[in-house]
C-alpha cells in the first residue's frame, strides 16, 4: 500500500514525523498528501529520512547530479552528494546517463540519507 493510500485512511508515522519537522498540523499534512498536493518520498529500503515536499511546507533544495556518456566518474558523483549534505540540501536527483547506471545509483543511494530521485 502506498503512502497516498495510507494517508487517505488516516495518519501515518511518516506524516506525523514530517508534520513535527515542518511545524504544521499533522491532519492538514495528511489531507494534502491524500489529495496529492504534498508528498513524502519513501522507498521500500527505507534508507532516506522522510521529508515533505509541497503545499503548506517549507521550500526544499534539490541537488541534481549524474554521469554522462562523456564523463563517468562515480567518485566525483559521491563527492557531490557529500557537498550537497554539507550545505543542507534536502534531496538529490541522479540524472546519470552514462556508465553502469544501476551500479552508480546504488552507490549514490547507499552513501546518503537524503531522498534520492531518478529519471
PDB file of N, CA and C in Angstrom:
ATOM      1  N   UNK A   1       0.850  -1.175   0.000  1.00  0.00           N
ATOM      2  CA  UNK A   1       0.000   0.000   0.000  1.00  0.00           C
ATOM      3  C   UNK A   1       0.899   1.241   0.000  1.00  0.00           C
ATOM      4  N   UNK A   2       0.578   2.208  -0.839  1.00  0.00           N
ATOM      5  CA  UNK A   2       1.378   3.429  -0.927  1.00  0.00           C
ATOM      6  C   UNK A   2       1.047   4.383   0.216  1.00  0.00           C
ATOM      7  N   UNK A   3       1.920   5.356   0.417  1.00  0.00           N
ATOM      8  CA  UNK A   3       1.656   6.369   1.437  1.00  0.00           C
ATOM      9  C   UNK A   3       0.396   7.157   1.082  1.00  0.00           C
ATOM     10  N   UNK A   4       0.174   7.409  -0.188  1.00  0.00           N
ATOM     11  CA  UNK A   4      -1.045   8.101  -0.622  1.00  0.00           C
ATOM     12  C   UNK A   4      -2.279   7.323  -0.165  1.00  0.00           C
ATOM     13  N   UNK A   5      -2.282   6.028  -0.393  1.00  0.00           N
ATOM     14  CA  UNK A   5      -3.420   5.200   0.023  1.00  0.00           C
ATOM     15  C   UNK A   5      -3.561   5.180   1.544  1.00  0.00           C
ATOM     16  N   UNK A   6      -2.438   5.060   2.235  1.00  0.00           N
ATOM     17  CA  UNK A   6      -2.484   5.050   3.700  1.00  0.00           C
ATOM     18  C   UNK A   6      -2.951   6.394   4.246  1.00  0.00           C
ATOM     19  N   UNK A   7      -2.549   7.497   3.600  1.00  0.00           N
ATOM     20  CA  UNK A   7      -2.958   8.834   4.051  1.00  0.00           C
ATOM     21  C   UNK A   7      -4.460   9.024   3.901  1.00  0.00           C
ATOM     22  N   UNK A   8      -5.042   8.404   2.912  1.00  0.00           N
ATOM     23  CA  UNK A   8      -6.490   8.516   2.716  1.00  0.00           C
ATOM     24  C   UNK A   8      -7.260   7.800   3.821  1.00  0.00           C
ATOM     25  N   UNK A   9      -6.595   6.878   4.522  1.00  0.00           N
ATOM     26  CA  UNK A   9      -7.243   6.131   5.606  1.00  0.00           C
ATOM     27  C   UNK A   9      -6.981   6.731   6.977  1.00  0.00           C
ATOM     28  N   UNK A  10      -5.940   7.562   7.090  1.00  0.00           N
ATOM     29  CA  UNK A  10      -5.619   8.149   8.388  1.00  0.00           C
ATOM     30  C   UNK A  10      -4.157   8.533   8.491  1.00  0.00           C
ATOM     31  N   UNK A  11      -3.782   8.992   9.669  1.00  0.00           N
ATOM     32  CA  UNK A  11      -2.412   9.425   9.903  1.00  0.00           C
ATOM     33  C   UNK A  11      -1.444   8.247   9.845  1.00  0.00           C
ATOM     34  N   UNK A  12      -0.221   8.539   9.426  1.00  0.00           N
ATOM     35  CA  UNK A  12       0.839   7.531   9.389  1.00  0.00           C
ATOM     36  C   UNK A  12       2.022   8.066  10.189  1.00  0.00           C
ATOM     37  N   UNK A  13       2.921   7.194  10.609  1.00  0.00           N
ATOM     38  CA  UNK A  13       4.110   7.674  11.331  1.00  0.00           C
ATOM     39  C   UNK A  13       4.931   8.669  10.511  1.00  0.00           C
ATOM     40  N   UNK A  14       5.014   8.446   9.197  1.00  0.00           N
ATOM     41  CA  UNK A  14       5.777   9.355   8.341  1.00  0.00           C
ATOM     42  C   UNK A  14       5.141  10.737   8.297  1.00  0.00           C
ATOM     43  N   UNK A  15       3.826  10.785   8.187  1.00  0.00           N
ATOM     44  CA  UNK A  15       3.128  12.074   8.162  1.00  0.00           C
ATOM     45  C   UNK A  15       3.313  12.788   9.489  1.00  0.00           C
ATOM     46  N   UNK A  16       3.182  12.069  10.572  1.00  0.00           N
ATOM     47  CA  UNK A  16       3.353  12.699  11.889  1.00  0.00           C
ATOM     48  C   UNK A  16       4.777  13.217  12.075  1.00  0.00           C
ATOM     49  N   UNK A  17       5.779  12.458  11.620  1.00  0.00           N
ATOM     50  CA  UNK A  17       7.177  12.888  11.747  1.00  0.00           C
ATOM     51  C   UNK A  17       7.443  14.138  10.918  1.00  0.00           C
ATOM     52  N   UNK A  18       6.956  14.151   9.684  1.00  0.00           N
ATOM     53  CA  UNK A  18       7.175  15.313   8.818  1.00  0.00           C
ATOM     54  C   UNK A  18       6.414  16.526   9.343  1.00  0.00           C
ATOM     55  N   UNK A  19       5.204  16.332   9.824  1.00  0.00           N
ATOM     56  CA  UNK A  19       4.437  17.449  10.394  1.00  0.00           C
ATOM     57  C   UNK A  19       5.203  18.077  11.554  1.00  0.00           C
ATOM     58  N   UNK A  20       5.800  17.251  12.394  1.00  0.00           N
ATOM     59  CA  UNK A  20       6.588  17.771  13.520  1.00  0.00           C
ATOM     60  C   UNK A  20       7.813  18.531  13.020  1.00  0.00           C
ATOM     61  N   UNK A  21       8.509  17.990  12.015  1.00  0.00           N
ATOM     62  CA  UNK A  21       9.682  18.671  11.448  1.00  0.00           C
ATOM     63  C   UNK A  21       9.311  20.020  10.855  1.00  0.00           C
ATOM     64  N   UNK A  22       8.165  20.063  10.198  1.00  0.00           N
ATOM     65  CA  UNK A  22       7.734  21.257   9.481  1.00  0.00           C
ATOM     66  C   UNK A  22       6.988  22.250  10.369  1.00  0.00           C
ATOM     67  N   UNK A  23       6.568  21.806  11.549  1.00  0.00           N
ATOM     68  CA  UNK A  23       5.795  22.681  12.419  1.00  0.00           C
ATOM     69  C   UNK A  23       4.392  22.945  11.896  1.00  0.00           C
ATOM     70  N   UNK A  24       3.798  21.918  11.267  1.00  0.00           N
ATOM     71  CA  UNK A  24       2.438  22.051  10.737  1.00  0.00           C
ATOM     72  C   UNK A  24       1.539  21.005  11.392  1.00  0.00           C
ATOM     73  N   UNK A  25       0.258  21.218  11.282  1.00  0.00           N
ATOM     74  CA  UNK A  25      -0.728  20.290  11.824  1.00  0.00           C
ATOM     75  C   UNK A  25      -0.688  18.977  11.035  1.00  0.00           C
ATOM     76  N   UNK A  26      -0.609  17.864  11.730  1.00  0.00           N
ATOM     77  CA  UNK A  26      -0.495  16.568  11.057  1.00  0.00           C
ATOM     78  C   UNK A  26      -1.735  16.237  10.227  1.00  0.00           C
ATOM     79  N   UNK A  27      -2.901  16.642  10.670  1.00  0.00           N
ATOM     80  CA  UNK A  27      -4.119  16.374   9.894  1.00  0.00           C
ATOM     81  C   UNK A  27      -4.129  17.195   8.606  1.00  0.00           C
ATOM     82  N   UNK A  28      -3.647  18.439   8.666  1.00  0.00           N
ATOM     83  CA  UNK A  28      -3.544  19.259   7.455  1.00  0.00           C
ATOM     84  C   UNK A  28      -2.593  18.592   6.459  1.00  0.00           C
ATOM     85  N   UNK A  29      -1.460  18.103   6.958  1.00  0.00           N
ATOM     86  CA  UNK A  29      -0.499  17.440   6.073  1.00  0.00           C
ATOM     87  C   UNK A  29      -1.096  16.152   5.516  1.00  0.00           C
ATOM     88  N   UNK A  30      -1.787  15.392   6.330  1.00  0.00           N
ATOM     89  CA  UNK A  30      -2.422  14.155   5.853  1.00  0.00           C
ATOM     90  C   UNK A  30      -3.365  14.448   4.700  1.00  0.00           C
ATOM     91  N   UNK A  31      -4.189  15.494   4.841  1.00  0.00           N
ATOM     92  CA  UNK A  31      -5.131  15.860   3.775  1.00  0.00           C
ATOM     93  C   UNK A  31      -4.398  16.281   2.504  1.00  0.00           C
ATOM     94  N   UNK A  32      -3.296  17.020   2.658  1.00  0.00           N
ATOM     95  CA  UNK A  32      -2.517  17.437   1.485  1.00  0.00           C
ATOM     96  C   UNK A  32      -1.901  16.237   0.776  1.00  0.00           C
ATOM     97  N   UNK A  33      -1.366  15.288   1.546  1.00  0.00           N
ATOM     98  CA  UNK A  33      -0.794  14.076   0.951  1.00  0.00           C
ATOM     99  C   UNK A  33      -1.899  13.260   0.284  1.00  0.00           C
ATOM    100  N   UNK A  34      -3.021  13.089   0.956  1.00  0.00           N
ATOM    101  CA  UNK A  34      -4.137  12.299   0.415  1.00  0.00           C
ATOM    102  C   UNK A  34      -4.677  12.894  -0.880  1.00  0.00           C
ATOM    103  N   UNK A  35      -4.592  14.226  -1.009  1.00  0.00           N
ATOM    104  CA  UNK A  35      -5.090  14.902  -2.208  1.00  0.00           C
ATOM    105  C   UNK A  35      -4.013  15.036  -3.286  1.00  0.00           C
ATOM    106  N   UNK A  36      -2.794  14.615  -2.989  1.00  0.00           N
ATOM    107  CA  UNK A  36      -1.715  14.716  -3.960  1.00  0.00           C
ATOM    108  C   UNK A  36      -1.086  16.093  -4.053  1.00  0.00           C
ATOM    109  N   UNK A  37      -1.336  16.951  -3.072  1.00  0.00           N
ATOM    110  CA  UNK A  37      -0.766  18.301  -3.077  1.00  0.00           C
ATOM    111  C   UNK A  37       0.533  18.383  -2.289  1.00  0.00           C
ATOM    112  N   UNK A  38       0.890  17.324  -1.594  1.00  0.00           N
ATOM    113  CA  UNK A  38       2.168  17.202  -0.888  1.00  0.00           C
ATOM    114  C   UNK A  38       2.595  15.742  -0.978  1.00  0.00           C
ATOM    115  N   UNK A  39       3.898  15.525  -0.940  1.00  0.00           N
ATOM    116  CA  UNK A  39       4.425  14.163  -0.993  1.00  0.00           C
ATOM    117  C   UNK A  39       5.483  13.971   0.083  1.00  0.00           C
ATOM    118  N   UNK A  40       5.651  12.737   0.480  1.00  0.00           N
ATOM    119  CA  UNK A  40       6.730  12.336   1.377  1.00  0.00           C
ATOM    120  C   UNK A  40       7.425  11.181   0.667  1.00  0.00           C
ATOM    121  N   UNK A  41       8.531  11.471  -0.036  1.00  0.00           N
ATOM    122  CA  UNK A  41       9.201  10.411  -0.791  1.00  0.00           C
ATOM    123  C   UNK A  41       9.691   9.293   0.132  1.00  0.00           C
ATOM    124  N   UNK A  42       9.345   8.074  -0.219  1.00  0.00           N
ATOM    125  CA  UNK A  42       9.749   6.888   0.545  1.00  0.00           C
ATOM    126  C   UNK A  42      10.138   5.792  -0.433  1.00  0.00           C
ATOM    127  N   UNK A  43      10.967   4.865   0.032  1.00  0.00           N
ATOM    128  CA  UNK A  43      11.178   3.654  -0.745  1.00  0.00           C
ATOM    129  C   UNK A  43      11.210   2.465   0.201  1.00  0.00           C
ATOM    130  N   UNK A  44      11.071   1.288  -0.354  1.00  0.00           N
ATOM    131  CA  UNK A  44      10.936   0.100   0.485  1.00  0.00           C
ATOM    132  C   UNK A  44      12.195  -0.220   1.283  1.00  0.00           C
ATOM    133  N   UNK A  45      13.337   0.302   0.857  1.00  0.00           N
ATOM    134  CA  UNK A  45      14.572   0.056   1.603  1.00  0.00           C
ATOM    135  C   UNK A  45      14.694   0.980   2.807  1.00  0.00           C
ATOM    136  N   UNK A  46      13.934   2.060   2.816  1.00  0.00           N
ATOM    137  CA  UNK A  46      13.848   2.925   3.983  1.00  0.00           C
ATOM    138  C   UNK A  46      15.132   3.603   4.406  1.00  0.00           C
ATOM    139  N   UNK A  47      16.034   3.858   3.466  1.00  0.00           N
ATOM    140  CA  UNK A  47      17.303   4.493   3.822  1.00  0.00           C
ATOM    141  C   UNK A  47      17.157   5.976   4.119  1.00  0.00           C
ATOM    142  N   UNK A  48      16.334   6.654   3.348  1.00  0.00           N
ATOM    143  CA  UNK A  48      16.234   8.112   3.453  1.00  0.00           C
ATOM    144  C   UNK A  48      15.355   8.524   4.623  1.00  0.00           C
ATOM    145  N   UNK A  49      15.736   9.624   5.243  1.00  0.00           N
ATOM    146  CA  UNK A  49      14.874  10.172   6.288  1.00  0.00           C
ATOM    147  C   UNK A  49      13.703  10.858   5.587  1.00  0.00           C
ATOM    148  N   UNK A  50      12.509  10.761   6.141  1.00  0.00           N
ATOM    149  CA  UNK A  50      11.347  11.344   5.461  1.00  0.00           C
ATOM    150  C   UNK A  50      11.375  12.870   5.484  1.00  0.00           C
ATOM    151  N   UNK A  51      11.037  13.459   4.341  1.00  0.00           N
ATOM    152  CA  UNK A  51      10.844  14.904   4.234  1.00  0.00           C
ATOM    153  C   UNK A  51       9.541  15.127   3.492  1.00  0.00           C
ATOM    154  N   UNK A  52       8.956  16.290   3.694  1.00  0.00           N
ATOM    155  CA  UNK A  52       7.735  16.635   2.988  1.00  0.00           C
ATOM    156  C   UNK A  52       8.014  17.692   1.937  1.00  0.00           C
ATOM    157  N   UNK A  53       7.376  17.533   0.789  1.00  0.00           N
ATOM    158  CA  UNK A  53       7.524  18.474  -0.312  1.00  0.00           C
ATOM    159  C   UNK A  53       6.128  18.830  -0.793  1.00  0.00           C
ATOM    160  N   UNK A  54       5.831  20.132  -0.866  1.00  0.00           N
ATOM    161  CA  UNK A  54       4.557  20.532  -1.440  1.00  0.00           C
ATOM    162  C   UNK A  54       3.807  21.552  -0.622  1.00  0.00           C
ATOM    163  N   UNK A  55       2.507  21.574  -0.828  1.00  0.00           N
ATOM    164  CA  UNK A  55       1.609  22.572  -0.265  1.00  0.00           C
ATOM    165  C   UNK A  55       1.756  22.716   1.249  1.00  0.00           C
ATOM    166  N   UNK A  56       1.943  23.964   1.680  1.00  0.00           N
ATOM    167  CA  UNK A  56       1.982  24.269   3.102  1.00  0.00           C
ATOM    168  C   UNK A  56       3.283  23.931   3.801  1.00  0.00           C
ATOM    169  N   UNK A  57       4.281  23.483   3.041  1.00  0.00           N
ATOM    170  CA  UNK A  57       5.558  23.074   3.628  1.00  0.00           C
ATOM    171  C   UNK A  57       6.673  24.020   3.183  1.00  0.00           C
ATOM    172  N   UNK A  58       7.772  23.991   3.922  1.00  0.00           N
ATOM    173  CA  UNK A  58       8.909  24.843   3.577  1.00  0.00           C
ATOM    174  C   UNK A  58       9.485  24.461   2.215  1.00  0.00           C
ATOM    175  N   UNK A  59      10.131  25.427   1.582  1.00  0.00           N
ATOM    176  CA  UNK A  59      10.804  25.190   0.307  1.00  0.00           C
ATOM    177  C   UNK A  59      11.969  24.230   0.528  1.00  0.00           C
ATOM    178  N   UNK A  60      12.182  23.342  -0.409  1.00  0.00           N
ATOM    179  CA  UNK A  60      13.265  22.368  -0.317  1.00  0.00           C
ATOM    180  C   UNK A  60      14.306  22.640  -1.403  1.00  0.00           C
ATOM    181  N   UNK A  61      15.559  22.288  -1.105  1.00  0.00           N
ATOM    182  CA  UNK A  61      16.655  22.404  -2.060  1.00  0.00           C
ATOM    183  C   UNK A  61      16.986  21.008  -2.579  1.00  0.00           C
ATOM    184  N   UNK A  62      16.923  20.851  -3.888  1.00  0.00           N
ATOM    185  CA  UNK A  62      17.234  19.593  -4.551  1.00  0.00           C
ATOM    186  C   UNK A  62      18.528  19.773  -5.337  1.00  0.00           C
ATOM    187  N   UNK A  63      19.436  18.826  -5.242  1.00  0.00           N
ATOM    188  CA  UNK A  63      20.694  18.878  -5.979  1.00  0.00           C
ATOM    189  C   UNK A  63      20.649  17.856  -7.108  1.00  0.00           C
ATOM    190  N   UNK A  64      20.874  18.335  -8.333  1.00  0.00           N
ATOM    191  CA  UNK A  64      20.961  17.449  -9.488  1.00  0.00           C
ATOM    192  C   UNK A  64      22.413  17.058  -9.709  1.00  0.00           C
ATOM    193  N   UNK A  65      22.643  15.782  -9.977  1.00  0.00           N
ATOM    194  CA  UNK A  65      23.992  15.304 -10.275  1.00  0.00           C
ATOM    195  C   UNK A  65      23.875  14.118 -11.202  1.00  0.00           C
ATOM    196  N   UNK A  66      25.014  13.627 -11.677  1.00  0.00           N
ATOM    197  CA  UNK A  66      24.980  12.431 -12.508  1.00  0.00           C
ATOM    198  C   UNK A  66      26.057  12.398 -13.565  1.00  0.00           C
ATOM    199  N   UNK A  67      26.293  11.206 -14.059  1.00  0.00           N
ATOM    200  CA  UNK A  67      27.284  10.974 -15.100  1.00  0.00           C
ATOM    201  C   UNK A  67      26.676  11.242 -16.471  1.00  0.00           C
ATOM    202  N   UNK A  68      27.564  11.320 -17.464  1.00  0.00           N
ATOM    203  CA  UNK A  68      27.119  11.405 -18.856  1.00  0.00           C
ATOM    204  C   UNK A  68      27.972  10.437 -19.664  1.00  0.00           C
ATOM    205  N   UNK A  69      27.622  10.233 -20.903  1.00  0.00           N
ATOM    206  CA  UNK A  69      28.414   9.345 -21.753  1.00  0.00           C
ATOM    207  C   UNK A  69      29.843   9.867 -21.902  1.00  0.00           C
ATOM    208  N   UNK A  70      30.018  11.183 -21.802  1.00  0.00           N
ATOM    209  CA  UNK A  70      31.337  11.799 -21.952  1.00  0.00           C
ATOM    210  C   UNK A  70      32.134  11.869 -20.659  1.00  0.00           C
ATOM    211  N   UNK A  71      31.478  11.712 -19.512  1.00  0.00           N
ATOM    212  CA  UNK A  71      32.179  11.878 -18.232  1.00  0.00           C
ATOM    213  C   UNK A  71      31.570  10.939 -17.193  1.00  0.00           C
ATOM    214  N   UNK A  72      32.259   9.847 -16.935  1.00  0.00           N
ATOM    215  CA  UNK A  72      31.792   8.846 -15.975  1.00  0.00           C
ATOM    216  C   UNK A  72      32.815   8.759 -14.844  1.00  0.00           C
ATOM    217  N   UNK A  73      32.471   9.346 -13.700  1.00  0.00           N
ATOM    218  CA  UNK A  73      33.365   9.324 -12.539  1.00  0.00           C
ATOM    219  C   UNK A  73      32.498   9.195 -11.289  1.00  0.00           C
ATOM    220  N   UNK A  74      32.309   7.968 -10.833  1.00  0.00           N
ATOM    221  CA  UNK A  74      31.428   7.704  -9.695  1.00  0.00           C
ATOM    222  C   UNK A  74      31.926   8.411  -8.443  1.00  0.00           C
ATOM    223  N   UNK A  75      33.232   8.422  -8.221  1.00  0.00           N
ATOM    224  CA  UNK A  75      33.768   9.100  -7.032  1.00  0.00           C
ATOM    225  C   UNK A  75      33.419  10.585  -7.031  1.00  0.00           C
ATOM    226  N   UNK A  76      33.425  11.190  -8.200  1.00  0.00           N
ATOM    227  CA  UNK A  76      33.039  12.601  -8.312  1.00  0.00           C
ATOM    228  C   UNK A  76      31.571  12.793  -7.925  1.00  0.00           C
ATOM    229  N   UNK A  77      30.717  11.890  -8.354  1.00  0.00           N
ATOM    230  CA  UNK A  77      29.295  11.994  -8.011  1.00  0.00           C
ATOM    231  C   UNK A  77      29.090  11.797  -6.509  1.00  0.00           C
ATOM    232  N   UNK A  78      29.843  10.877  -5.914  1.00  0.00           N
ATOM    233  CA  UNK A  78      29.742  10.661  -4.463  1.00  0.00           C
ATOM    234  C   UNK A  78      30.233  11.885  -3.694  1.00  0.00           C
ATOM    235  N   UNK A  79      31.233  12.560  -4.215  1.00  0.00           N
ATOM    236  CA  UNK A  79      31.701  13.803  -3.590  1.00  0.00           C
ATOM    237  C   UNK A  79      30.619  14.880  -3.688  1.00  0.00           C
ATOM    238  N   UNK A  80      29.915  14.925  -4.805  1.00  0.00           N
ATOM    239  CA  UNK A  80      28.811  15.885  -4.951  1.00  0.00           C
ATOM    240  C   UNK A  80      27.730  15.626  -3.904  1.00  0.00           C
ATOM    241  N   UNK A  81      27.468  14.360  -3.616  1.00  0.00           N
ATOM    242  CA  UNK A  81      26.486  14.022  -2.580  1.00  0.00           C
ATOM    243  C   UNK A  81      26.949  14.559  -1.232  1.00  0.00           C
ATOM    244  N   UNK A  82      28.224  14.360  -0.908  1.00  0.00           N
ATOM    245  CA  UNK A  82      28.760  14.869   0.364  1.00  0.00           C
ATOM    246  C   UNK A  82      28.638  16.386   0.449  1.00  0.00           C
ATOM    247  N   UNK A  83      28.917  17.061  -0.650  1.00  0.00           N
ATOM    248  CA  UNK A  83      28.804  18.523  -0.683  1.00  0.00           C
ATOM    249  C   UNK A  83      27.347  18.934  -0.501  1.00  0.00           C
ATOM    250  N   UNK A  84      26.441  18.234  -1.164  1.00  0.00           N
ATOM    251  CA  UNK A  84      25.008  18.531  -1.017  1.00  0.00           C
ATOM    252  C   UNK A  84      24.584  18.416   0.438  1.00  0.00           C
ATOM    253  N   UNK A  85      25.020  17.361   1.107  1.00  0.00           N
ATOM    254  CA  UNK A  85      24.683  17.173   2.525  1.00  0.00           C
ATOM    255  C   UNK A  85      25.291  18.278   3.384  1.00  0.00           C
ATOM    256  N   UNK A  86      26.548  18.582   3.132  1.00  0.00           N
ATOM    257  CA  UNK A  86      27.240  19.594   3.940  1.00  0.00           C
ATOM    258  C   UNK A  86      26.555  20.955   3.855  1.00  0.00           C
ATOM    259  N   UNK A  87      26.018  21.285   2.692  1.00  0.00           N
ATOM    260  CA  UNK A  87      25.404  22.594   2.515  1.00  0.00           C
ATOM    261  C   UNK A  87      23.888  22.590   2.701  1.00  0.00           C
ATOM    262  N   UNK A  88      23.344  21.499   3.234  1.00  0.00           N
ATOM    263  CA  UNK A  88      21.953  21.487   3.659  1.00  0.00           C
ATOM    264  C   UNK A  88      20.908  21.145   2.623  1.00  0.00           C
ATOM    265  N   UNK A  89      21.297  20.484   1.545  1.00  0.00           N
ATOM    266  CA  UNK A  89      20.296  20.058   0.563  1.00  0.00           C
ATOM    267  C   UNK A  89      19.302  19.113   1.226  1.00  0.00           C
ATOM    268  N   UNK A  90      18.096  19.107   0.705  1.00  0.00           N
ATOM    269  CA  UNK A  90      17.043  18.245   1.246  1.00  0.00           C
ATOM    270  C   UNK A  90      16.875  16.955   0.450  1.00  0.00           C
ATOM    271  N   UNK A  91      17.305  16.962  -0.821  1.00  0.00           N
ATOM    272  CA  UNK A  91      17.122  15.800  -1.687  1.00  0.00           C
ATOM    273  C   UNK A  91      18.166  15.832  -2.798  1.00  0.00           C
ATOM    274  N   UNK A  92      18.354  14.678  -3.431  1.00  0.00           N
ATOM    275  CA  UNK A  92      19.295  14.539  -4.541  1.00  0.00           C
ATOM    276  C   UNK A  92      18.558  13.880  -5.699  1.00  0.00           C
ATOM    277  N   UNK A  93      18.836  14.362  -6.916  1.00  0.00           N
ATOM    278  CA  UNK A  93      18.281  13.756  -8.122  1.00  0.00           C
ATOM    279  C   UNK A  93      19.444  13.261  -8.973  1.00  0.00           C
ATOM    280  N   UNK A  94      19.482  11.956  -9.225  1.00  0.00           N
ATOM    281  CA  UNK A  94      20.525  11.382 -10.075  1.00  0.00           C
ATOM    282  C   UNK A  94      20.041  11.395 -11.515  1.00  0.00           C
ATOM    283  N   UNK A  95      20.732  12.160 -12.344  1.00  0.00           N
ATOM    284  CA  UNK A  95      20.373  12.285 -13.754  1.00  0.00           C
ATOM    285  C   UNK A  95      21.359  11.528 -14.646  1.00  0.00           C
ATOM    286  N   UNK A  96      22.034  10.526 -14.102  1.00  0.00           N
ATOM    287  CA  UNK A  96      23.066   9.795 -14.845  1.00  0.00           C
ATOM    288  C   UNK A  96      22.527   9.207 -16.139  1.00  0.00           C
ATOM    289  N   UNK A  97      23.348   9.366 -17.194  1.00  0.00           N
ATOM    290  CA  UNK A  97      23.023   8.789 -18.496  1.00  0.00           C
ATOM    291  C   UNK A  97      24.175   7.967 -19.057  1.00  0.00           C
ATOM    292  N   UNK A  98      25.309   7.939 -18.341  1.00  0.00           N
ATOM    293  CA  UNK A  98      26.467   7.201 -18.828  1.00  0.00           C
ATOM    294  C   UNK A  98      26.991   6.229 -17.800  1.00  0.00           C
ATOM    295  N   UNK A  99      27.566   5.124 -18.273  1.00  0.00           N
ATOM    296  CA  UNK A  99      28.130   4.123 -17.380  1.00  0.00           C
ATOM    297  C   UNK A  99      27.088   3.117 -16.932  1.00  0.00           C
ATOM    298  N   UNK A 100      27.458   2.345 -15.925  1.00  0.00           N
ATOM    299  CA  UNK A 100      26.556   1.339 -15.352  1.00  0.00           C
ATOM    300  C   UNK A 100      25.602   2.058 -14.397  1.00  0.00           C
ATOM    301  N   UNK A 101      24.507   2.537 -14.931  1.00  0.00           N
ATOM    302  CA  UNK A 101      23.602   3.416 -14.185  1.00  0.00           C
ATOM    303  C   UNK A 101      23.056   2.742 -12.929  1.00  0.00           C
ATOM    304  N   UNK A 102      22.699   1.477 -13.003  1.00  0.00           N
ATOM    305  CA  UNK A 102      22.185   0.792 -11.810  1.00  0.00           C
ATOM    306  C   UNK A 102      23.228   0.767 -10.697  1.00  0.00           C
ATOM    307  N   UNK A 103      24.461   0.480 -11.056  1.00  0.00           N
ATOM    308  CA  UNK A 103      25.539   0.452 -10.069  1.00  0.00           C
ATOM    309  C   UNK A 103      25.793   1.845  -9.499  1.00  0.00           C
ATOM    310  N   UNK A 104      25.810   2.835 -10.366  1.00  0.00           N
ATOM    311  CA  UNK A 104      26.036   4.220  -9.932  1.00  0.00           C
ATOM    312  C   UNK A 104      24.948   4.644  -8.955  1.00  0.00           C
ATOM    313  N   UNK A 105      23.704   4.392  -9.303  1.00  0.00           N
ATOM    314  CA  UNK A 105      22.593   4.776  -8.416  1.00  0.00           C
ATOM    315  C   UNK A 105      22.652   4.033  -7.096  1.00  0.00           C
ATOM    316  N   UNK A 106      23.028   2.781  -7.136  1.00  0.00           N
ATOM    317  CA  UNK A 106      23.162   2.015  -5.897  1.00  0.00           C
ATOM    318  C   UNK A 106      24.210   2.613  -4.979  1.00  0.00           C
ATOM    319  N   UNK A 107      25.336   3.016  -5.544  1.00  0.00           N
ATOM    320  CA  UNK A 107      26.400   3.623  -4.743  1.00  0.00           C
ATOM    321  C   UNK A 107      25.962   4.970  -4.183  1.00  0.00           C
ATOM    322  N   UNK A 108      25.278   5.760  -4.994  1.00  0.00           N
ATOM    323  CA  UNK A 108      24.785   7.056  -4.510  1.00  0.00           C
ATOM    324  C   UNK A 108      23.773   6.831  -3.394  1.00  0.00           C
ATOM    325  N   UNK A 109      22.825   5.933  -3.611  1.00  0.00           N
ATOM    326  CA  UNK A 109      21.776   5.678  -2.610  1.00  0.00           C
ATOM    327  C   UNK A 109      22.364   5.199  -1.294  1.00  0.00           C
ATOM    328  N   UNK A 110      23.378   4.345  -1.359  1.00  0.00           N
ATOM    329  CA  UNK A 110      23.938   3.815  -0.117  1.00  0.00           C
ATOM    330  C   UNK A 110      24.859   4.807   0.585  1.00  0.00           C
ATOM    331  N   UNK A 111      25.173   5.914  -0.086  1.00  0.00           N
ATOM    332  CA  UNK A 111      26.088   6.892   0.507  1.00  0.00           C
ATOM    333  C   UNK A 111      25.379   8.035   1.226  1.00  0.00           C
ATOM    334  N   UNK A 112      24.035   8.057   1.210  1.00  0.00           N
ATOM    335  CA  UNK A 112      23.326   9.211   1.763  1.00  0.00           C
ATOM    336  C   UNK A 112      22.021   8.813   2.430  1.00  0.00           C
ATOM    337  N   UNK A 113      21.575   9.661   3.348  1.00  0.00           N
ATOM    338  CA  UNK A 113      20.244   9.523   3.948  1.00  0.00           C
ATOM    339  C   UNK A 113      19.257  10.483   3.280  1.00  0.00           C
ATOM    340  N   UNK A 114      19.745  11.287   2.321  1.00  0.00           N
ATOM    341  CA  UNK A 114      18.847  12.191   1.607  1.00  0.00           C
ATOM    342  C   UNK A 114      17.960  11.385   0.664  1.00  0.00           C
ATOM    343  N   UNK A 115      16.717  11.811   0.473  1.00  0.00           N
ATOM    344  CA  UNK A 115      15.882  11.163  -0.535  1.00  0.00           C
ATOM    345  C   UNK A 115      16.553  11.279  -1.905  1.00  0.00           C
ATOM    346  N   UNK A 116      16.498  10.211  -2.680  1.00  0.00           N
ATOM    347  CA  UNK A 116      17.126  10.159  -3.994  1.00  0.00           C
ATOM    348  C   UNK A 116      16.072   9.912  -5.049  1.00  0.00           C
ATOM    349  N   UNK A 117      16.025  10.798  -6.017  1.00  0.00           N
ATOM    350  CA  UNK A 117      15.132  10.624  -7.149  1.00  0.00           C
ATOM    351  C   UNK A 117      15.935  10.286  -8.389  1.00  0.00           C
ATOM    352  N   UNK A 118      15.274   9.702  -9.366  1.00  0.00           N
ATOM    353  CA  UNK A 118      15.919   9.358 -10.632  1.00  0.00           C
ATOM    354  C   UNK A 118      14.967   9.679 -11.766  1.00  0.00           C
ATOM    355  N   UNK A 119      15.514   9.667 -12.976  1.00  0.00           N
ATOM    356  CA  UNK A 119      14.669   9.878 -14.155  1.00  0.00           C
ATOM    357  C   UNK A 119      14.696   8.648 -15.016  1.00  0.00           C
TER     358      UNK A 119
END
